Amino acid sequence: MDGPTREHGAPDSNRVPREPALVAVLAVATGLALYLCNLLVAPFLPALAWAVALAIPTHPVYDWLRERIGHKNLAAGLTVFAVAVVVVVPFVFLFQEFVRQAANALSAAQAAITSGEWLKALEPHRRLMSFLRWAESRWDVGGAIEQAITNLTPQVATVVAGSFWAAAQFLITFFLLFYFYRDRRPLVNRVRGLIPLSRDEADEVFSRVNDTIFATIYGTLAVAAVQGALGGLMFWWLKLPGPLFWGTVMGLLGIVPVLGAFVVWIPAAIYLALSGFWIKALVLTAWGTLVVGTIDNILFPVFVGGRIRVHTAAVFIAVVGGIIVFGASGVILGPVVMAVTFALIDIWRRRMD
């Protein structure tokens, strides 16, 4: 005897509903596609970050050229060329000179330690020499310093070897920069459409990102570059070794809020004083304290104005954390991530009030 038959059109309790199944498949496919896109984009994230960072402060130049030329492609191409000349040409020269002076400084330091000249320079200072002899009796101070320099030397070669990938990143950055100039409005509208926020809220997030990048480029990188240039100039005037190398180091340290150029010029001033060059030590100390150390307070308001001034602790976490997570591009991406986070928190707070 046959069992009860199912009427035509009646739902089957064992069948999965068609629409939820399609939604589940679509969600899985979308997640997989986003994951694969993340793998594709990850190698180009530094180029994307620097392209955006260059596009925001220099976009008025593109607007000015487009109004006078009347051709978007030509205006974008000329702007990219101008930015490339301003950025790439000095960078290539400074990089080559930096590598040369870094190698010379490391070789000179290693030779001085091996020959014992660094101890001879400190012989007039009895207390310091007695401390060094006491330290040498327990630890191989010279050997430790020499080993540190030996370990550091291959890193210079690693930097040189990575310059080819850096050159490729430069090319990709300026390739993307062209489209960020030409297609800025369509790109912004497309991103705005993907964000589940109202137009005013999305504009607030964009404004925070814009101000943060502007402040990072002009208020952090530009000021640090000026500090490094001033410090290197004083090293050159005082005839200290490796002025470009140490000026670059001071500029890089100036990016980190807690550190600064003083990490370099204070030991140099101490070395000059211990070597008997008291006038040079006093000049370097006065220059580092009164000029290099205070230029930040003068230039930041000039470059940035009232756009943004984040607390030092937040800047430290954003910059250093960004460098740890994203590498060199973290100088830009770290503050941007923090700015977006703060903007979203403010939006949530207003919605819940």
C-alpha atoms as a PDB file:
ATOM      1  CA  MET A   1       0.000   0.000   0.000  1.00  0.00           C
ATOM      2  CA  ASP A   2       1.410   3.298  -1.038  1.00  0.00           C
ATOM      3  CA  GLY A   3       2.010   5.961   1.572  1.00  0.00           C
ATOM      4  CA  PRO A   4       0.364   9.326   1.592  1.00  0.00           C
ATOM      5  CA  THR A   5       1.205  11.332  -1.486  1.00  0.00           C
ATOM      6  CA  ARG A   6       2.394  14.988  -1.322  1.00  0.00           C
ATOM      7  CA  GLU A   7       0.045  17.348  -3.051  1.00  0.00           C
ATOM      8  CA  HIS A   8       1.449  19.253  -5.999  1.00  0.00           C
ATOM      9  CA  GLY A   9       2.966  22.546  -4.860  1.00  0.00           C
ATOM     10  CA  ALA A  10       3.080  21.606  -1.169  1.00  0.00           C
ATOM     11  CA  PRO A  11       6.379  22.526   0.525  1.00  0.00           C
ATOM     12  CA  ASP A  12       8.816  19.722   1.310  1.00  0.00           C
ATOM     13  CA  SER A  13       9.881  19.950   4.946  1.00  0.00           C
ATOM     14  CA  ASN A  14      13.231  18.271   4.146  1.00  0.00           C
ATOM     15  CA  ARG A  15      14.154  20.745   1.397  1.00  0.00           C
ATOM     16  CA  VAL A  16      16.315  23.784   2.208  1.00  0.00           C
ATOM     17  CA  PRO A  17      14.547  27.011   1.187  1.00  0.00           C
ATOM     18  CA  ARG A  18      16.002  28.307  -2.039  1.00  0.00           C
ATOM     19  CA  GLU A  19      16.509  32.002  -1.113  1.00  0.00           C
ATOM     20  CA  PRO A  20      18.385  31.458   2.216  1.00  0.00           C
ATOM     21  CA  ALA A  21      20.600  28.891   0.473  1.00  0.00           C
ATOM     22  CA  LEU A  22      21.442  31.381  -2.273  1.00  0.00           C
ATOM     23  CA  VAL A  23      22.172  34.068   0.331  1.00  0.00           C
ATOM     24  CA  ALA A  24      24.497  31.703   2.192  1.00  0.00           C
ATOM     25  CA  VAL A  25      26.341  30.773  -1.009  1.00  0.00           C
ATOM     26  CA  LEU A  26      26.601  34.443  -1.982  1.00  0.00           C
ATOM     27  CA  ALA A  27      27.973  35.335   1.472  1.00  0.00           C
ATOM     28  CA  VAL A  28      30.604  32.591   1.291  1.00  0.00           C
ATOM     29  CA  ALA A  29      31.564  33.568  -2.263  1.00  0.00           C
ATOM     30  CA  THR A  30      31.802  37.228  -1.280  1.00  0.00           C
ATOM     31  CA  GLY A  31      33.950  36.408   1.738  1.00  0.00           C
ATOM     32  CA  LEU A  32      36.262  34.275  -0.384  1.00  0.00           C
ATOM     33  CA  ALA A  33      36.471  36.992  -3.040  1.00  0.00           C
ATOM     34  CA  LEU A  34      37.313  39.636  -0.413  1.00  0.00           C
ATOM     35  CA  TYR A  35      39.999  37.375   1.061  1.00  0.00           C
ATOM     36  CA  LEU A  36      41.573  36.812  -2.362  1.00  0.00           C
ATOM     37  CA  CYS A  37      41.388  40.539  -3.130  1.00  0.00           C
ATOM     38  CA  ASN A  38      43.154  41.225   0.161  1.00  0.00           C
ATOM     39  CA  LEU A  39      45.965  38.877  -0.942  1.00  0.00           C
ATOM     40  CA  LEU A  40      46.158  40.693  -4.279  1.00  0.00           C
ATOM     41  CA  VAL A  41      46.169  44.195  -2.806  1.00  0.00           C
ATOM     42  CA  ALA A  42      48.483  43.553   0.182  1.00  0.00           C
ATOM     43  CA  PRO A  43      51.770  43.829  -1.810  1.00  0.00           C
ATOM     44  CA  PHE A  44      50.629  47.179  -3.200  1.00  0.00           C
ATOM     45  CA  LEU A  45      49.360  48.637   0.074  1.00  0.00           C
ATOM     46  CA  PRO A  46      52.461  50.846   0.579  1.00  0.00           C
ATOM     47  CA  ALA A  47      52.098  52.248  -2.941  1.00  0.00           C
ATOM     48  CA  LEU A  48      48.383  52.886  -2.371  1.00  0.00           C
ATOM     49  CA  ALA A  49      49.054  54.608   0.944  1.00  0.00           C
ATOM     50  CA  TRP A  50      51.739  56.898  -0.459  1.00  0.00           C
ATOM     51  CA  ALA A  51      49.698  57.655  -3.566  1.00  0.00           C
ATOM     52  CA  VAL A  52      46.791  58.822  -1.405  1.00  0.00           C
ATOM     53  CA  ALA A  53      49.186  60.710   0.877  1.00  0.00           C
ATOM     54  CA  LEU A  54      50.679  62.543  -2.104  1.00  0.00           C
ATOM     55  CA  ALA A  55      47.346  63.137  -3.832  1.00  0.00           C
ATOM     56  CA  ILE A  56      45.632  64.937  -0.956  1.00  0.00           C
ATOM     57  CA  PRO A  57      48.079  67.816  -0.350  1.00  0.00           C
ATOM     58  CA  THR A  58      48.992  68.222  -4.048  1.00  0.00           C
ATOM     59  CA  HIS A  59      45.492  68.009  -5.537  1.00  0.00           C
ATOM     60  CA  PRO A  60      45.160  71.829  -5.681  1.00  0.00           C
ATOM     61  CA  VAL A  61      48.054  71.802  -8.181  1.00  0.00           C
ATOM     62  CA  TYR A  62      46.094  69.417 -10.402  1.00  0.00           C
ATOM     63  CA  ASP A  63      42.950  71.555 -10.085  1.00  0.00           C
ATOM     64  CA  TRP A  64      44.947  74.658 -11.058  1.00  0.00           C
ATOM     65  CA  LEU A  65      46.402  72.970 -14.139  1.00  0.00           C
ATOM     66  CA  ARG A  66      43.071  71.466 -15.204  1.00  0.00           C
ATOM     67  CA  GLU A  67      41.353  74.863 -15.097  1.00  0.00           C
ATOM     68  CA  ARG A  68      44.032  76.381 -17.343  1.00  0.00           C
ATOM     69  CA  ILE A  69      44.644  73.425 -19.680  1.00  0.00           C
ATOM     70  CA  GLY A  70      41.103  72.090 -19.831  1.00  0.00           C
ATOM     71  CA  HIS A  71      42.266  68.493 -20.302  1.00  0.00           C
ATOM     72  CA  LYS A  72      42.104  66.100 -17.349  1.00  0.00           C
ATOM     73  CA  ASN A  73      44.602  63.534 -18.625  1.00  0.00           C
ATOM     74  CA  LEU A  74      47.228  66.126 -19.523  1.00  0.00           C
ATOM     75  CA  ALA A  75      46.763  67.988 -16.233  1.00  0.00           C
ATOM     76  CA  ALA A  76      47.054  64.746 -14.255  1.00  0.00           C
ATOM     77  CA  GLY A  77      50.152  63.695 -16.205  1.00  0.00           C
ATOM     78  CA  LEU A  78      51.881  67.053 -15.685  1.00  0.00           C
ATOM     79  CA  THR A  79      51.064  67.020 -11.974  1.00  0.00           C
ATOM     80  CA  VAL A  80      52.448  63.509 -11.558  1.00  0.00           C
ATOM     81  CA  PHE A  81      55.588  64.539 -13.429  1.00  0.00           C
ATOM     82  CA  ALA A  82      56.056  67.602 -11.207  1.00  0.00           C
ATOM     83  CA  VAL A  83      55.554  65.591  -8.014  1.00  0.00           C
ATOM     84  CA  ALA A  84      57.912  62.882  -9.280  1.00  0.00           C
ATOM     85  CA  VAL A  85      60.635  65.443 -10.024  1.00  0.00           C
ATOM     86  CA  VAL A  86      60.233  67.079  -6.621  1.00  0.00           C
ATOM     87  CA  VAL A  87      60.178  63.757  -4.738  1.00  0.00           C
ATOM     88  CA  VAL A  88      62.216  61.232  -6.734  1.00  0.00           C
ATOM     89  CA  VAL A  89      65.240  63.244  -7.885  1.00  0.00           C
ATOM     90  CA  PRO A  90      66.256  64.477  -4.406  1.00  0.00           C
ATOM     91  CA  PHE A  91      65.407  61.070  -2.917  1.00  0.00           C
ATOM     92  CA  VAL A  92      67.683  59.176  -5.328  1.00  0.00           C
ATOM     93  CA  PHE A  93      70.577  61.543  -4.668  1.00  0.00           C
ATOM     94  CA  LEU A  94      70.083  61.518  -0.910  1.00  0.00           C
ATOM     95  CA  PHE A  95      69.712  57.733  -0.855  1.00  0.00           C
ATOM     96  CA  GLN A  96      72.969  57.157  -2.728  1.00  0.00           C
ATOM     97  CA  GLU A  97      74.829  59.631  -0.529  1.00  0.00           C
ATOM     98  CA  PHE A  98      73.228  58.183   2.597  1.00  0.00           C
ATOM     99  CA  VAL A  99      74.390  54.662   1.738  1.00  0.00           C
ATOM    100  CA  ARG A 100      77.909  55.910   0.974  1.00  0.00           C
ATOM    101  CA  GLN A 101      78.211  57.905   4.203  1.00  0.00           C
ATOM    102  CA  ALA A 102      76.629  55.099   6.239  1.00  0.00           C
ATOM    103  CA  ALA A 103      79.197  52.618   4.923  1.00  0.00           C
ATOM    104  CA  ASN A 104      82.037  55.072   5.575  1.00  0.00           C
ATOM    105  CA  ALA A 105      80.802  55.849   9.091  1.00  0.00           C
ATOM    106  CA  LEU A 106      80.487  52.168   9.980  1.00  0.00           C
ATOM    107  CA  SER A 107      83.948  51.399   8.561  1.00  0.00           C
ATOM    108  CA  ALA A 108      85.521  54.325  10.419  1.00  0.00           C
ATOM    109  CA  ALA A 109      83.846  53.360  13.702  1.00  0.00           C
ATOM    110  CA  GLN A 110      84.906  49.747  13.326  1.00  0.00           C
ATOM    111  CA  ALA A 111      88.505  50.775  12.556  1.00  0.00           C
ATOM    112  CA  ALA A 112      88.612  53.144  15.541  1.00  0.00           C
ATOM    113  CA  ILE A 113      87.400  50.421  17.890  1.00  0.00           C
ATOM    114  CA  THR A 114      89.749  47.794  16.472  1.00  0.00           C
ATOM    115  CA  SER A 115      92.799  50.082  16.773  1.00  0.00           C
ATOM    116  CA  GLY A 116      91.791  51.383  20.209  1.00  0.00           C
ATOM    117  CA  GLU A 117      91.716  55.032  19.088  1.00  0.00           C
ATOM    118  CA  TRP A 118      88.407  55.576  20.854  1.00  0.00           C
ATOM    119  CA  LEU A 119      90.081  54.799  24.177  1.00  0.00           C
ATOM    120  CA  LYS A 120      93.049  57.087  23.426  1.00  0.00           C
ATOM    121  CA  ALA A 121      90.686  60.003  22.890  1.00  0.00           C
ATOM    122  CA  LEU A 122      89.294  59.470  26.388  1.00  0.00           C
ATOM    123  CA  GLU A 123      92.657  59.148  28.190  1.00  0.00           C
ATOM    124  CA  PRO A 124      92.621  62.742  29.575  1.00  0.00           C
ATOM    125  CA  HIS A 125      89.406  61.920  31.460  1.00  0.00           C
ATOM    126  CA  ARG A 126      90.647  59.778  34.335  1.00  0.00           C
ATOM    127  CA  ARG A 127      87.294  59.044  35.944  1.00  0.00           C
ATOM    128  CA  LEU A 128      85.740  57.967  32.678  1.00  0.00           C
ATOM    129  CA  MET A 129      88.796  55.843  31.844  1.00  0.00           C
ATOM    130  CA  SER A 130      88.714  54.169  35.249  1.00  0.00           C
ATOM    131  CA  PHE A 131      85.045  53.341  34.697  1.00  0.00           C
ATOM    132  CA  LEU A 132      85.799  51.941  31.217  1.00  0.00           C
ATOM    133  CA  ARG A 133      88.672  49.827  32.564  1.00  0.00           C
ATOM    134  CA  TRP A 134      86.369  48.503  35.290  1.00  0.00           C
ATOM    135  CA  ALA A 135      83.732  47.714  32.647  1.00  0.00           C
ATOM    136  CA  GLU A 136      86.344  46.127  30.344  1.00  0.00           C
ATOM    137  CA  SER A 137      87.475  43.860  33.186  1.00  0.00           C
ATOM    138  CA  ARG A 138      83.974  42.420  33.410  1.00  0.00           C
ATOM    139  CA  TRP A 139      82.640  42.802  29.883  1.00  0.00           C
ATOM    140  CA  ASP A 140      84.244  43.120  26.490  1.00  0.00           C
ATOM    141  CA  VAL A 141      82.811  46.578  25.802  1.00  0.00           C
ATOM    142  CA  GLY A 142      84.860  47.209  22.673  1.00  0.00           C
ATOM    143  CA  GLY A 143      84.096  43.743  21.368  1.00  0.00           C
ATOM    144  CA  ALA A 144      80.383  44.244  21.993  1.00  0.00           C
ATOM    145  CA  ILE A 145      80.397  47.558  20.128  1.00  0.00           C
ATOM    146  CA  GLU A 146      82.419  46.062  17.288  1.00  0.00           C
ATOM    147  CA  GLN A 147      80.042  43.095  17.077  1.00  0.00           C
ATOM    148  CA  ALA A 148      77.061  45.461  16.978  1.00  0.00           C
ATOM    149  CA  ILE A 149      78.654  47.379  14.099  1.00  0.00           C
ATOM    150  CA  THR A 150      79.497  44.118  12.324  1.00  0.00           C
ATOM    151  CA  ASN A 151      75.870  43.007  12.644  1.00  0.00           C
ATOM    152  CA  LEU A 152      74.676  46.392  11.415  1.00  0.00           C
ATOM    153  CA  THR A 153      76.848  46.457   8.297  1.00  0.00           C
ATOM    154  CA  PRO A 154      74.897  43.713   6.437  1.00  0.00           C
ATOM    155  CA  GLN A 155      71.712  45.671   7.067  1.00  0.00           C
ATOM    156  CA  VAL A 156      73.040  48.429   4.820  1.00  0.00           C
ATOM    157  CA  ALA A 157      73.508  45.856   2.066  1.00  0.00           C
ATOM    158  CA  THR A 158      69.971  44.620   2.697  1.00  0.00           C
ATOM    159  CA  VAL A 159      68.649  48.153   2.252  1.00  0.00           C
ATOM    160  CA  VAL A 160      70.544  48.465  -1.018  1.00  0.00           C
ATOM    161  CA  ALA A 161      69.236  45.111  -2.215  1.00  0.00           C
ATOM    162  CA  GLY A 162      65.690  46.178  -1.419  1.00  0.00           C
ATOM    163  CA  SER A 163      66.066  49.358  -3.439  1.00  0.00           C
ATOM    164  CA  PHE A 164      64.839  47.565  -6.590  1.00  0.00           C
ATOM    165  CA  TRP A 165      61.508  46.750  -4.959  1.00  0.00           C
ATOM    166  CA  ALA A 166      61.399  50.313  -3.619  1.00  0.00           C
ATOM    167  CA  ALA A 167      61.863  51.583  -7.186  1.00  0.00           C
ATOM    168  CA  ALA A 168      58.980  49.373  -8.320  1.00  0.00           C
ATOM    169  CA  GLN A 169      56.836  50.759  -5.493  1.00  0.00           C
ATOM    170  CA  PHE A 170      57.715  54.271  -6.643  1.00  0.00           C
ATOM    171  CA  LEU A 171      56.525  53.518 -10.166  1.00  0.00           C
ATOM    172  CA  ILE A 172      53.292  51.964  -8.897  1.00  0.00           C
ATOM    173  CA  THR A 173      52.737  54.936  -6.571  1.00  0.00           C
ATOM    174  CA  PHE A 174      52.910  57.455  -9.417  1.00  0.00           C
ATOM    175  CA  PHE A 175      50.844  55.213 -11.693  1.00  0.00           C
ATOM    176  CA  LEU A 176      48.063  55.205  -9.076  1.00  0.00           C
ATOM    177  CA  LEU A 177      48.586  58.902  -8.384  1.00  0.00           C
ATOM    178  CA  PHE A 178      47.608  59.721 -11.968  1.00  0.00           C
ATOM    179  CA  TYR A 179      44.191  58.113 -11.503  1.00  0.00           C
ATOM    180  CA  PHE A 180      43.723  59.593  -8.036  1.00  0.00           C
ATOM    181  CA  TYR A 181      44.083  63.020  -9.655  1.00  0.00           C
ATOM    182  CA  ARG A 182      41.958  62.364 -12.723  1.00  0.00           C
ATOM    183  CA  ASP A 183      39.213  60.221 -11.171  1.00  0.00           C
ATOM    184  CA  ARG A 184      39.052  61.650  -7.668  1.00  0.00           C
ATOM    185  CA  ARG A 185      35.340  62.451  -7.630  1.00  0.00           C
ATOM    186  CA  PRO A 186      34.119  59.102  -9.070  1.00  0.00           C
ATOM    187  CA  LEU A 187      36.387  57.227  -6.653  1.00  0.00           C
ATOM    188  CA  VAL A 188      35.156  59.217  -3.656  1.00  0.00           C
ATOM    189  CA  ASN A 189      31.521  58.723  -4.694  1.00  0.00           C
ATOM    190  CA  ARG A 190      32.065  54.995  -5.154  1.00  0.00           C
ATOM    191  CA  VAL A 191      33.660  54.635  -1.713  1.00  0.00           C
ATOM    192  CA  ARG A 192      30.918  56.791  -0.180  1.00  0.00           C
ATOM    193  CA  GLY A 193      28.296  54.488  -1.689  1.00  0.00           C
ATOM    194  CA  LEU A 194      29.925  51.443  -0.099  1.00  0.00           C
ATOM    195  CA  ILE A 195      30.006  52.951   3.394  1.00  0.00           C
ATOM    196  CA  PRO A 196      26.829  52.286   5.439  1.00  0.00           C
ATOM    197  CA  LEU A 197      26.718  55.894   6.658  1.00  0.00           C
ATOM    198  CA  SER A 198      24.721  58.957   5.755  1.00  0.00           C
ATOM    199  CA  ARG A 199      26.308  61.452   3.373  1.00  0.00           C
ATOM    200  CA  ASP A 200      27.155  63.873   6.197  1.00  0.00           C
ATOM    201  CA  GLU A 201      28.669  61.086   8.296  1.00  0.00           C
ATOM    202  CA  ALA A 202      30.721  59.803   5.353  1.00  0.00           C
ATOM    203  CA  ASP A 203      31.918  63.345   4.659  1.00  0.00           C
ATOM    204  CA  GLU A 204      32.990  63.600   8.305  1.00  0.00           C
ATOM    205  CA  VAL A 205      35.081  60.428   7.997  1.00  0.00           C
ATOM    206  CA  PHE A 206      36.643  61.670   4.737  1.00  0.00           C
ATOM    207  CA  SER A 207      37.387  65.015   6.350  1.00  0.00           C
ATOM    208  CA  ARG A 208      39.124  63.331   9.307  1.00  0.00           C
ATOM    209  CA  VAL A 209      41.234  61.213   6.946  1.00  0.00           C
ATOM    210  CA  ASN A 210      42.080  64.239   4.800  1.00  0.00           C
ATOM    211  CA  ASP A 211      43.131  66.336   7.801  1.00  0.00           C
ATOM    212  CA  THR A 212      45.117  63.468   9.311  1.00  0.00           C
ATOM    213  CA  ILE A 213      47.071  62.810   6.120  1.00  0.00           C
ATOM    214  CA  PHE A 214      47.654  66.530   5.641  1.00  0.00           C
ATOM    215  CA  ALA A 215      48.897  66.855   9.212  1.00  0.00           C
ATOM    216  CA  THR A 216      51.036  63.724   8.895  1.00  0.00           C
ATOM    217  CA  ILE A 217      52.674  64.868   5.654  1.00  0.00           C
ATOM    218  CA  TYR A 218      53.230  68.489   6.604  1.00  0.00           C
ATOM    219  CA  GLY A 219      53.149  68.366  10.395  1.00  0.00           C
ATOM    220  CA  THR A 220      55.204  65.209  10.927  1.00  0.00           C
ATOM    221  CA  LEU A 221      57.241  64.288   7.864  1.00  0.00           C
ATOM    222  CA  ALA A 222      58.016  67.831   6.693  1.00  0.00           C
ATOM    223  CA  VAL A 223      58.946  69.031  10.176  1.00  0.00           C
ATOM    224  CA  ALA A 224      61.086  65.931  10.751  1.00  0.00           C
ATOM    225  CA  ALA A 225      62.809  66.549   7.404  1.00  0.00           C
ATOM    226  CA  VAL A 226      63.571  70.145   8.400  1.00  0.00           C
ATOM    227  CA  GLN A 227      64.910  68.979  11.774  1.00  0.00           C
ATOM    228  CA  GLY A 228      67.136  66.413  10.075  1.00  0.00           C
ATOM    229  CA  ALA A 229      68.367  69.009   7.565  1.00  0.00           C
ATOM    230  CA  LEU A 230      69.208  71.500  10.317  1.00  0.00           C
ATOM    231  CA  GLY A 231      70.977  68.837  12.377  1.00  0.00           C
ATOM    232  CA  GLY A 232      72.932  67.569   9.368  1.00  0.00           C
ATOM    233  CA  LEU A 233      73.849  71.135   8.427  1.00  0.00           C
ATOM    234  CA  MET A 234      75.347  71.700  11.872  1.00  0.00           C
ATOM    235  CA  PHE A 235      77.248  68.397  11.664  1.00  0.00           C
ATOM    236  CA  TRP A 236      78.672  69.561   8.314  1.00  0.00           C
ATOM    237  CA  TRP A 237      79.597  73.016   9.674  1.00  0.00           C
ATOM    238  CA  LEU A 238      81.328  71.476  12.689  1.00  0.00           C
ATOM    239  CA  LYS A 239      83.127  69.030  10.345  1.00  0.00           C
ATOM    240  CA  LEU A 240      81.680  65.966  12.057  1.00  0.00           C
ATOM    241  CA  PRO A 241      81.719  62.739  10.022  1.00  0.00           C
ATOM    242  CA  GLY A 242      78.694  61.654   7.974  1.00  0.00           C
ATOM    243  CA  PRO A 243      76.531  64.829   8.132  1.00  0.00           C
ATOM    244  CA  LEU A 244      74.011  63.514   5.604  1.00  0.00           C
ATOM    245  CA  PHE A 245      73.851  60.116   7.300  1.00  0.00           C
ATOM    246  CA  TRP A 246      73.324  61.546  10.778  1.00  0.00           C
ATOM    247  CA  GLY A 247      70.980  64.222   9.442  1.00  0.00           C
ATOM    248  CA  THR A 248      68.835  61.469   7.906  1.00  0.00           C
ATOM    249  CA  VAL A 249      68.897  59.543  11.189  1.00  0.00           C
ATOM    250  CA  MET A 250      67.799  62.684  13.069  1.00  0.00           C
ATOM    251  CA  GLY A 251      64.983  63.202  10.580  1.00  0.00           C
ATOM    252  CA  LEU A 252      63.776  59.610  10.985  1.00  0.00           C
ATOM    253  CA  LEU A 253      63.919  59.914  14.773  1.00  0.00           C
ATOM    254  CA  GLY A 254      61.931  63.140  14.515  1.00  0.00           C
ATOM    255  CA  ILE A 255      58.986  61.151  13.144  1.00  0.00           C
ATOM    256  CA  VAL A 256      58.661  59.294  16.455  1.00  0.00           C
ATOM    257  CA  PRO A 257      57.115  61.725  18.975  1.00  0.00           C
ATOM    258  CA  VAL A 258      58.831  60.327  22.080  1.00  0.00           C
ATOM    259  CA  LEU A 259      62.270  60.347  20.442  1.00  0.00           C
ATOM    260  CA  GLY A 260      63.847  63.066  18.350  1.00  0.00           C
ATOM    261  CA  ALA A 261      67.059  64.498  16.948  1.00  0.00           C
ATOM    262  CA  PHE A 262      68.498  64.843  20.459  1.00  0.00           C
ATOM    263  CA  VAL A 263      69.189  61.084  20.446  1.00  0.00           C
ATOM    264  CA  VAL A 264      71.960  61.846  17.924  1.00  0.00           C
ATOM    265  CA  TRP A 265      73.243  65.334  18.744  1.00  0.00           C
ATOM    266  CA  ILE A 266      73.511  64.883  22.537  1.00  0.00           C
ATOM    267  CA  PRO A 267      75.997  61.964  22.284  1.00  0.00           C
ATOM    268  CA  ALA A 268      77.865  63.926  19.571  1.00  0.00           C
ATOM    269  CA  ALA A 269      78.110  66.964  21.863  1.00  0.00           C
ATOM    270  CA  ILE A 270      79.333  64.763  24.722  1.00  0.00           C
ATOM    271  CA  TYR A 271      81.944  63.214  22.433  1.00  0.00           C
ATOM    272  CA  LEU A 272      83.143  66.680  21.349  1.00  0.00           C
ATOM    273  CA  ALA A 273      83.374  67.834  24.975  1.00  0.00           C
ATOM    274  CA  LEU A 274      85.311  64.722  26.037  1.00  0.00           C
ATOM    275  CA  SER A 275      87.650  65.199  23.078  1.00  0.00           C
ATOM    276  CA  GLY A 276      88.445  68.756  24.219  1.00  0.00           C
ATOM    277  CA  PHE A 277      86.391  70.624  21.602  1.00  0.00           C
ATOM    278  CA  TRP A 278      84.354  72.610  24.121  1.00  0.00           C
ATOM    279  CA  ILE A 279      83.348  75.402  21.726  1.00  0.00           C
ATOM    280  CA  LYS A 280      82.009  72.935  19.167  1.00  0.00           C
ATOM    281  CA  ALA A 281      80.199  71.028  21.919  1.00  0.00           C
ATOM    282  CA  LEU A 282      78.547  74.228  23.177  1.00  0.00           C
ATOM    283  CA  VAL A 283      77.593  75.325  19.650  1.00  0.00           C
ATOM    284  CA  LEU A 284      76.068  71.911  18.874  1.00  0.00           C
ATOM    285  CA  THR A 285      74.185  71.883  22.195  1.00  0.00           C
ATOM    286  CA  ALA A 286      72.833  75.405  21.669  1.00  0.00           C
ATOM    287  CA  TRP A 287      71.819  74.644  18.056  1.00  0.00           C
ATOM    288  CA  GLY A 288      70.176  71.368  18.987  1.00  0.00           C
ATOM    289  CA  THR A 289      68.285  72.849  21.924  1.00  0.00           C
ATOM    290  CA  LEU A 290      67.263  76.262  20.582  1.00  0.00           C
ATOM    291  CA  VAL A 291      66.827  75.547  16.872  1.00  0.00           C
ATOM    292  CA  VAL A 292      66.350  71.838  16.131  1.00  0.00           C
ATOM    293  CA  GLY A 293      64.427  71.177  19.343  1.00  0.00           C
ATOM    294  CA  THR A 294      62.002  74.097  18.999  1.00  0.00           C
ATOM    295  CA  ILE A 295      61.441  74.203  15.221  1.00  0.00           C
ATOM    296  CA  ASP A 296      58.492  71.807  15.616  1.00  0.00           C
ATOM    297  CA  ASN A 297      56.532  74.377  17.659  1.00  0.00           C
ATOM    298  CA  ILE A 298      57.145  77.006  14.970  1.00  0.00           C
ATOM    299  CA  LEU A 299      56.605  75.041  11.769  1.00  0.00           C
ATOM    300  CA  PHE A 300      53.653  72.856  12.781  1.00  0.00           C
ATOM    301  CA  PRO A 301      51.176  75.786  13.083  1.00  0.00           C
ATOM    302  CA  VAL A 302      52.549  77.264   9.838  1.00  0.00           C
ATOM    303  CA  PHE A 303      52.257  74.023   7.846  1.00  0.00           C
ATOM    304  CA  VAL A 304      49.082  72.581   9.375  1.00  0.00           C
ATOM    305  CA  GLY A 305      47.266  75.505  10.969  1.00  0.00           C
ATOM    306  CA  GLY A 306      44.222  74.446  12.952  1.00  0.00           C
ATOM    307  CA  ARG A 307      43.476  71.281  10.977  1.00  0.00           C
ATOM    308  CA  ILE A 308      44.432  68.729  13.601  1.00  0.00           C
ATOM    309  CA  ARG A 309      46.715  68.276  16.580  1.00  0.00           C
ATOM    310  CA  VAL A 310      46.416  64.838  18.127  1.00  0.00           C
ATOM    311  CA  HIS A 311      47.718  64.071  21.604  1.00  0.00           C
ATOM    312  CA  THR A 312      51.372  62.981  21.662  1.00  0.00           C
ATOM    313  CA  ALA A 313      50.536  59.568  23.134  1.00  0.00           C
ATOM    314  CA  ALA A 314      47.998  58.881  20.375  1.00  0.00           C
ATOM    315  CA  VAL A 315      50.457  59.970  17.685  1.00  0.00           C
ATOM    316  CA  PHE A 316      53.144  57.720  19.187  1.00  0.00           C
ATOM    317  CA  ILE A 317      50.860  54.689  19.202  1.00  0.00           C
ATOM    318  CA  ALA A 318      49.541  55.413  15.705  1.00  0.00           C
ATOM    319  CA  VAL A 319      52.947  56.009  14.086  1.00  0.00           C
ATOM    320  CA  VAL A 320      55.002  53.321  15.831  1.00  0.00           C
ATOM    321  CA  GLY A 321      52.159  50.784  15.746  1.00  0.00           C
ATOM    322  CA  GLY A 322      51.563  51.578  12.087  1.00  0.00           C
ATOM    323  CA  ILE A 323      55.243  51.024  11.255  1.00  0.00           C
ATOM    324  CA  ILE A 324      55.223  47.690  13.119  1.00  0.00           C
ATOM    325  CA  VAL A 325      52.070  46.480  11.349  1.00  0.00           C
ATOM    326  CA  PHE A 326      52.398  48.025   7.870  1.00  0.00           C
ATOM    327  CA  GLY A 327      56.100  48.823   7.542  1.00  0.00           C
ATOM    328  CA  ALA A 328      57.242  52.231   6.261  1.00  0.00           C
ATOM    329  CA  SER A 329      53.768  53.048   4.936  1.00  0.00           C
ATOM    330  CA  GLY A 330      52.509  52.764   8.524  1.00  0.00           C
ATOM    331  CA  VAL A 331      53.650  56.357   9.007  1.00  0.00           C
ATOM    332  CA  ILE A 332      50.562  57.214   6.949  1.00  0.00           C
ATOM    333  CA  LEU A 333      48.292  54.225   7.542  1.00  0.00           C
ATOM    334  CA  GLY A 334      48.642  54.192  11.342  1.00  0.00           C
ATOM    335  CA  PRO A 335      47.321  57.745  11.885  1.00  0.00           C
ATOM    336  CA  VAL A 336      44.649  57.207   9.201  1.00  0.00           C
ATOM    337  CA  VAL A 337      43.342  54.057  10.901  1.00  0.00           C
ATOM    338  CA  MET A 338      43.230  55.884  14.224  1.00  0.00           C
ATOM    339  CA  ALA A 339      41.467  58.896  12.668  1.00  0.00           C
ATOM    340  CA  VAL A 340      38.813  56.692  11.051  1.00  0.00           C
ATOM    341  CA  THR A 341      38.316  54.853  14.346  1.00  0.00           C
ATOM    342  CA  PHE A 342      37.842  58.087  16.290  1.00  0.00           C
ATOM    343  CA  ALA A 343      35.405  59.387  13.654  1.00  0.00           C
ATOM    344  CA  LEU A 344      33.300  56.207  13.774  1.00  0.00           C
ATOM    345  CA  ILE A 345      33.252  56.297  17.589  1.00  0.00           C
ATOM    346  CA  ASP A 346      31.990  59.899  17.480  1.00  0.00           C
ATOM    347  CA  ILE A 347      29.293  58.909  14.973  1.00  0.00           C
ATOM    348  CA  TRP A 348      28.144  56.026  17.196  1.00  0.00           C
ATOM    349  CA  ARG A 349      28.097  58.320  20.229  1.00  0.00           C
ATOM    350  CA  ARG A 350      25.851  60.828  18.445  1.00  0.00           C
ATOM    351  CA  ARG A 351      23.507  58.106  17.214  1.00  0.00           C
ATOM    352  CA  MET A 352      23.107  56.674  20.721  1.00  0.00           C
ATOM    353  CA  ASP A 353      22.443  60.040  22.394  1.00  0.00           C
END
